[in-house]
């Protein structure tokens, strides 16, 4: 029954989806917030920002839980794994990073794109990540080994989105 929104400003908001009431303002980013999403269990929210960070928030209170720092440029997206234990971020610094939700610590640095990484997402089982980049490729990564499983080439321009099919065996890119 809750919605989280972003805008070109620094303060995402949590809304009651039935009444339209603003439940909480998520203050703390220093630049535009580019994405916001609830964890699958509904207990947390992650936001990504042009301030080079992502932040984890408590969805009930709106209080900040952790700052995810380590990217050297704007963070364009942040997404939870299906079990809500990990987050993957994508950044204009040409990398994606995997984070532990409980500790806020970086688990992996996925380096291999030649240009900005626009989006990143986990497979449903959490064993793979797909990234989309301005380098005209998408890449599928093994979360455990941090190695590239597949290099998806063939686009003639930036890849802005890449998403797994439910079984994790197919990816669609745009």
C-alpha atoms as a PDB file:
ATOM      1  CA  UNK A   1       0.000   0.000   0.000  1.00  0.00           C
ATOM      2  CA  UNK A   2       3.028   2.266  -0.187  1.00  0.00           C
ATOM      3  CA  UNK A   3       4.681   3.955  -3.147  1.00  0.00           C
ATOM      4  CA  UNK A   4       8.155   5.502  -3.294  1.00  0.00           C
ATOM      5  CA  UNK A   5       8.892   8.247  -5.825  1.00  0.00           C
ATOM      6  CA  UNK A   6      11.883  10.259  -7.019  1.00  0.00           C
ATOM      7  CA  UNK A   7      12.196  13.570  -8.788  1.00  0.00           C
ATOM      8  CA  UNK A   8      14.928  15.754 -10.205  1.00  0.00           C
ATOM      9  CA  UNK A   9      15.498  16.934  -6.672  1.00  0.00           C
ATOM     10  CA  UNK A  10      17.244  15.316  -3.722  1.00  0.00           C
ATOM     11  CA  UNK A  11      14.320  14.011  -1.692  1.00  0.00           C
ATOM     12  CA  UNK A  12      12.481  10.798  -2.588  1.00  0.00           C
ATOM     13  CA  UNK A  13       9.128  10.379  -0.879  1.00  0.00           C
ATOM     14  CA  UNK A  14       7.124   7.470   0.516  1.00  0.00           C
ATOM     15  CA  UNK A  15       3.389   7.726  -0.204  1.00  0.00           C
ATOM     16  CA  UNK A  16       0.275   5.899   0.945  1.00  0.00           C
ATOM     17  CA  UNK A  17      -1.022   4.359  -2.294  1.00  0.00           C
ATOM     18  CA  UNK A  18      -4.664   4.525  -1.202  1.00  0.00           C
ATOM     19  CA  UNK A  19      -4.918   7.978   0.375  1.00  0.00           C
ATOM     20  CA  UNK A  20      -2.142   9.847  -1.432  1.00  0.00           C
ATOM     21  CA  UNK A  21      -0.710  10.916   1.917  1.00  0.00           C
ATOM     22  CA  UNK A  22       3.033  11.658   2.063  1.00  0.00           C
ATOM     23  CA  UNK A  23       4.309   9.241   4.733  1.00  0.00           C
ATOM     24  CA  UNK A  24       7.990  10.237   4.782  1.00  0.00           C
ATOM     25  CA  UNK A  25      10.630  12.285   2.995  1.00  0.00           C
ATOM     26  CA  UNK A  26      13.941  10.494   2.484  1.00  0.00           C
ATOM     27  CA  UNK A  27      16.432  13.316   3.015  1.00  0.00           C
ATOM     28  CA  UNK A  28      20.179  12.988   2.707  1.00  0.00           C
ATOM     29  CA  UNK A  29      21.218  12.865  -0.947  1.00  0.00           C
ATOM     30  CA  UNK A  30      23.251  15.821  -2.233  1.00  0.00           C
ATOM     31  CA  UNK A  31      22.182  15.626  -5.909  1.00  0.00           C
ATOM     32  CA  UNK A  32      19.353  14.277  -8.080  1.00  0.00           C
ATOM     33  CA  UNK A  33      17.939  10.912  -7.083  1.00  0.00           C
ATOM     34  CA  UNK A  34      17.815   8.657 -10.153  1.00  0.00           C
ATOM     35  CA  UNK A  35      15.960   5.619  -8.806  1.00  0.00           C
ATOM     36  CA  UNK A  36      14.140   4.273  -5.748  1.00  0.00           C
ATOM     37  CA  UNK A  37      12.776   0.792  -5.115  1.00  0.00           C
ATOM     38  CA  UNK A  38      11.351  -1.315  -2.284  1.00  0.00           C
ATOM     39  CA  UNK A  39      12.944  -4.608  -1.260  1.00  0.00           C
ATOM     40  CA  UNK A  40      10.815  -7.686  -2.040  1.00  0.00           C
ATOM     41  CA  UNK A  41       9.984  -8.091   1.654  1.00  0.00           C
ATOM     42  CA  UNK A  42       8.828  -4.441   1.766  1.00  0.00           C
ATOM     43  CA  UNK A  43      11.025  -3.587   4.751  1.00  0.00           C
ATOM     44  CA  UNK A  44      13.641  -1.456   3.041  1.00  0.00           C
ATOM     45  CA  UNK A  45      14.081   1.020   0.199  1.00  0.00           C
ATOM     46  CA  UNK A  46      17.226   1.710  -1.812  1.00  0.00           C
ATOM     47  CA  UNK A  47      17.807   4.981  -3.649  1.00  0.00           C
ATOM     48  CA  UNK A  48      20.492   5.878  -6.206  1.00  0.00           C
ATOM     49  CA  UNK A  49      21.797   9.369  -6.861  1.00  0.00           C
ATOM     50  CA  UNK A  50      24.004  11.565  -8.988  1.00  0.00           C
ATOM     51  CA  UNK A  51      25.897  12.280  -5.727  1.00  0.00           C
ATOM     52  CA  UNK A  52      27.829   9.013  -6.376  1.00  0.00           C
ATOM     53  CA  UNK A  53      25.999   7.124  -3.617  1.00  0.00           C
ATOM     54  CA  UNK A  54      23.102   4.815  -2.970  1.00  0.00           C
ATOM     55  CA  UNK A  55      21.301   4.774   0.359  1.00  0.00           C
ATOM     56  CA  UNK A  56      19.285   2.136   2.216  1.00  0.00           C
ATOM     57  CA  UNK A  57      16.214   3.316   4.135  1.00  0.00           C
ATOM     58  CA  UNK A  58      13.748   1.774   6.561  1.00  0.00           C
ATOM     59  CA  UNK A  59      10.435   1.629   4.655  1.00  0.00           C
ATOM     60  CA  UNK A  60       8.301   1.971   7.800  1.00  0.00           C
ATOM     61  CA  UNK A  61       9.984   5.026   9.324  1.00  0.00           C
ATOM     62  CA  UNK A  62      11.889   6.582   6.400  1.00  0.00           C
ATOM     63  CA  UNK A  63      15.079   6.627   8.480  1.00  0.00           C
ATOM     64  CA  UNK A  64      18.395   6.100   6.701  1.00  0.00           C
ATOM     65  CA  UNK A  65      20.032   2.740   7.475  1.00  0.00           C
ATOM     66  CA  UNK A  66      23.231   2.903   5.379  1.00  0.00           C
ATOM     67  CA  UNK A  67      25.211   4.899   2.815  1.00  0.00           C
ATOM     68  CA  UNK A  68      26.626   2.826  -0.046  1.00  0.00           C
ATOM     69  CA  UNK A  69      29.777   4.711  -1.017  1.00  0.00           C
ATOM     70  CA  UNK A  70      32.538   3.719  -3.406  1.00  0.00           C
ATOM     71  CA  UNK A  71      31.375   4.731  -6.882  1.00  0.00           C
ATOM     72  CA  UNK A  72      33.380   7.528  -8.502  1.00  0.00           C
ATOM     73  CA  UNK A  73      30.497   8.967 -10.543  1.00  0.00           C
ATOM     74  CA  UNK A  74      26.694   9.126 -10.585  1.00  0.00           C
ATOM     75  CA  UNK A  75      24.812   6.007  -9.483  1.00  0.00           C
ATOM     76  CA  UNK A  76      22.081   5.444 -12.082  1.00  0.00           C
ATOM     77  CA  UNK A  77      20.215   2.531 -10.547  1.00  0.00           C
ATOM     78  CA  UNK A  78      20.077   0.369  -7.441  1.00  0.00           C
ATOM     79  CA  UNK A  79      18.077  -2.869  -7.146  1.00  0.00           C
ATOM     80  CA  UNK A  80      17.595  -5.502  -4.432  1.00  0.00           C
ATOM     81  CA  UNK A  81      18.061  -9.224  -4.986  1.00  0.00           C
ATOM     82  CA  UNK A  82      14.842 -11.261  -4.665  1.00  0.00           C
ATOM     83  CA  UNK A  83      15.828 -12.397  -1.147  1.00  0.00           C
ATOM     84  CA  UNK A  84      16.436  -8.739  -0.133  1.00  0.00           C
ATOM     85  CA  UNK A  85      19.971  -9.588   1.094  1.00  0.00           C
ATOM     86  CA  UNK A  86      21.985  -7.883  -1.647  1.00  0.00           C
ATOM     87  CA  UNK A  87      21.824  -4.728  -3.749  1.00  0.00           C
ATOM     88  CA  UNK A  88      23.403  -4.142  -7.150  1.00  0.00           C
ATOM     89  CA  UNK A  89      24.195  -0.591  -8.254  1.00  0.00           C
ATOM     90  CA  UNK A  90      25.082   0.746 -11.711  1.00  0.00           C
ATOM     91  CA  UNK A  91      27.223   3.825 -12.224  1.00  0.00           C
ATOM     92  CA  UNK A  92      28.571   6.297 -14.743  1.00  0.00           C
ATOM     93  CA  UNK A  93      32.034   5.219 -13.460  1.00  0.00           C
ATOM     94  CA  UNK A  94      31.718   2.215 -15.865  1.00  0.00           C
ATOM     95  CA  UNK A  95      31.134  -0.284 -13.032  1.00  0.00           C
ATOM     96  CA  UNK A  96      28.423  -2.079 -11.136  1.00  0.00           C
ATOM     97  CA  UNK A  97      28.823  -3.006  -7.483  1.00  0.00           C
ATOM     98  CA  UNK A  98      27.163  -5.602  -5.280  1.00  0.00           C
ATOM     99  CA  UNK A  99      26.467  -4.683  -1.652  1.00  0.00           C
ATOM    100  CA  UNK A 100      25.462  -6.547   1.503  1.00  0.00           C
ATOM    101  CA  UNK A 101      22.177  -5.083   2.762  1.00  0.00           C
ATOM    102  CA  UNK A 102      22.779  -5.896   6.451  1.00  0.00           C
ATOM    103  CA  UNK A 103      26.245  -4.329   6.681  1.00  0.00           C
ATOM    104  CA  UNK A 104      26.159  -1.816   3.798  1.00  0.00           C
ATOM    105  CA  UNK A 105      29.575  -3.147   2.748  1.00  0.00           C
ATOM    106  CA  UNK A 106      30.693  -3.647  -0.852  1.00  0.00           C
ATOM    107  CA  UNK A 107      30.825  -7.346  -1.803  1.00  0.00           C
ATOM    108  CA  UNK A 108      31.940  -7.081  -5.434  1.00  0.00           C
ATOM    109  CA  UNK A 109      33.131  -4.569  -8.016  1.00  0.00           C
ATOM    110  CA  UNK A 110      31.998  -5.624 -11.510  1.00  0.00           C
ATOM    111  CA  UNK A 111      34.517  -4.024 -13.857  1.00  0.00           C
ATOM    112  CA  UNK A 112      34.588  -4.668 -17.591  1.00  0.00           C
ATOM    113  CA  UNK A 113      32.420  -2.141 -19.399  1.00  0.00           C
ATOM    114  CA  UNK A 114      34.068   0.498 -21.595  1.00  0.00           C
ATOM    115  CA  UNK A 115      31.541   3.231 -20.808  1.00  0.00           C
ATOM    116  CA  UNK A 116      28.800   4.222 -18.358  1.00  0.00           C
ATOM    117  CA  UNK A 117      26.718   1.450 -16.807  1.00  0.00           C
ATOM    118  CA  UNK A 118      23.065   2.471 -16.933  1.00  0.00           C
ATOM    119  CA  UNK A 119      21.270  -0.423 -15.255  1.00  0.00           C
ATOM    120  CA  UNK A 120      21.963  -3.623 -13.359  1.00  0.00           C
ATOM    121  CA  UNK A 121      19.654  -6.342 -12.110  1.00  0.00           C
ATOM    122  CA  UNK A 122      19.830  -9.716 -10.354  1.00  0.00           C
ATOM    123  CA  UNK A 123      18.408 -12.923 -11.782  1.00  0.00           C
ATOM    124  CA  UNK A 124      15.515 -14.317  -9.715  1.00  0.00           C
ATOM    125  CA  UNK A 125      17.793 -16.848  -8.007  1.00  0.00           C
ATOM    126  CA  UNK A 126      20.363 -14.142  -7.200  1.00  0.00           C
ATOM    127  CA  UNK A 127      23.208 -16.063  -8.847  1.00  0.00           C
ATOM    128  CA  UNK A 128      23.653 -13.719 -11.818  1.00  0.00           C
ATOM    129  CA  UNK A 129      23.619  -9.997 -12.555  1.00  0.00           C
ATOM    130  CA  UNK A 130      23.000  -8.382 -15.942  1.00  0.00           C
ATOM    131  CA  UNK A 131      24.365  -4.911 -16.677  1.00  0.00           C
ATOM    132  CA  UNK A 132      23.531  -2.518 -19.540  1.00  0.00           C
ATOM    133  CA  UNK A 133      25.990   0.096 -20.764  1.00  0.00           C
ATOM    134  CA  UNK A 134      26.599   3.026 -23.085  1.00  0.00           C
ATOM    135  CA  UNK A 135      29.394   0.878 -24.573  1.00  0.00           C
ATOM    136  CA  UNK A 136      26.656  -0.820 -26.683  1.00  0.00           C
ATOM    137  CA  UNK A 137      26.831  -4.064 -24.681  1.00  0.00           C
ATOM    138  CA  UNK A 138      25.125  -5.868 -21.863  1.00  0.00           C
ATOM    139  CA  UNK A 139      27.035  -8.325 -19.712  1.00  0.00           C
ATOM    140  CA  UNK A 140      25.897 -11.272 -17.603  1.00  0.00           C
ATOM    141  CA  UNK A 141      27.986 -11.803 -14.460  1.00  0.00           C
ATOM    142  CA  UNK A 142      28.347 -14.708 -12.033  1.00  0.00           C
ATOM    143  CA  UNK A 143      27.724 -13.195  -8.583  1.00  0.00           C
ATOM    144  CA  UNK A 144      29.938 -15.682  -6.733  1.00  0.00           C
ATOM    145  CA  UNK A 145      32.998 -15.557  -9.019  1.00  0.00           C
ATOM    146  CA  UNK A 146      32.438 -11.974 -10.214  1.00  0.00           C
ATOM    147  CA  UNK A 147      33.331 -13.112 -13.739  1.00  0.00           C
ATOM    148  CA  UNK A 148      31.563 -12.283 -17.004  1.00  0.00           C
ATOM    149  CA  UNK A 149      29.483 -15.280 -18.155  1.00  0.00           C
ATOM    150  CA  UNK A 150      28.214 -13.702 -21.381  1.00  0.00           C
ATOM    151  CA  UNK A 151      29.063 -10.560 -23.332  1.00  0.00           C
ATOM    152  CA  UNK A 152      25.908  -9.493 -25.184  1.00  0.00           C
ATOM    153  CA  UNK A 153      26.988  -7.551 -28.274  1.00  0.00           C
ATOM    154  CA  UNK A 154      25.162  -6.436 -31.397  1.00  0.00           C
ATOM    155  CA  UNK A 155      23.496  -3.156 -30.461  1.00  0.00           C
ATOM    156  CA  UNK A 156      24.478  -0.144 -32.547  1.00  0.00           C
ATOM    157  CA  UNK A 157      24.150   2.300 -29.672  1.00  0.00           C
ATOM    158  CA  UNK A 158      23.913   2.486 -25.898  1.00  0.00           C
ATOM    159  CA  UNK A 159      22.083  -0.322 -24.090  1.00  0.00           C
ATOM    160  CA  UNK A 160      19.795   1.390 -21.602  1.00  0.00           C
ATOM    161  CA  UNK A 161      18.083  -1.614 -20.057  1.00  0.00           C
ATOM    162  CA  UNK A 162      18.683  -5.332 -19.595  1.00  0.00           C
ATOM    163  CA  UNK A 163      16.351  -7.671 -17.719  1.00  0.00           C
ATOM    164  CA  UNK A 164      16.311 -11.400 -16.991  1.00  0.00           C
ATOM    165  CA  UNK A 165      13.398 -13.659 -17.870  1.00  0.00           C
ATOM    166  CA  UNK A 166      11.954 -15.316 -14.742  1.00  0.00           C
ATOM    167  CA  UNK A 167      14.007 -18.523 -15.146  1.00  0.00           C
ATOM    168  CA  UNK A 168      17.281 -16.577 -15.582  1.00  0.00           C
ATOM    169  CA  UNK A 169      18.028 -18.274 -18.916  1.00  0.00           C
ATOM    170  CA  UNK A 170      17.140 -15.341 -21.179  1.00  0.00           C
ATOM    171  CA  UNK A 171      17.839 -11.613 -21.156  1.00  0.00           C
ATOM    172  CA  UNK A 172      16.047  -8.861 -23.051  1.00  0.00           C
ATOM    173  CA  UNK A 173      17.970  -5.669 -23.854  1.00  0.00           C
ATOM    174  CA  UNK A 174      16.904  -2.273 -25.124  1.00  0.00           C
END
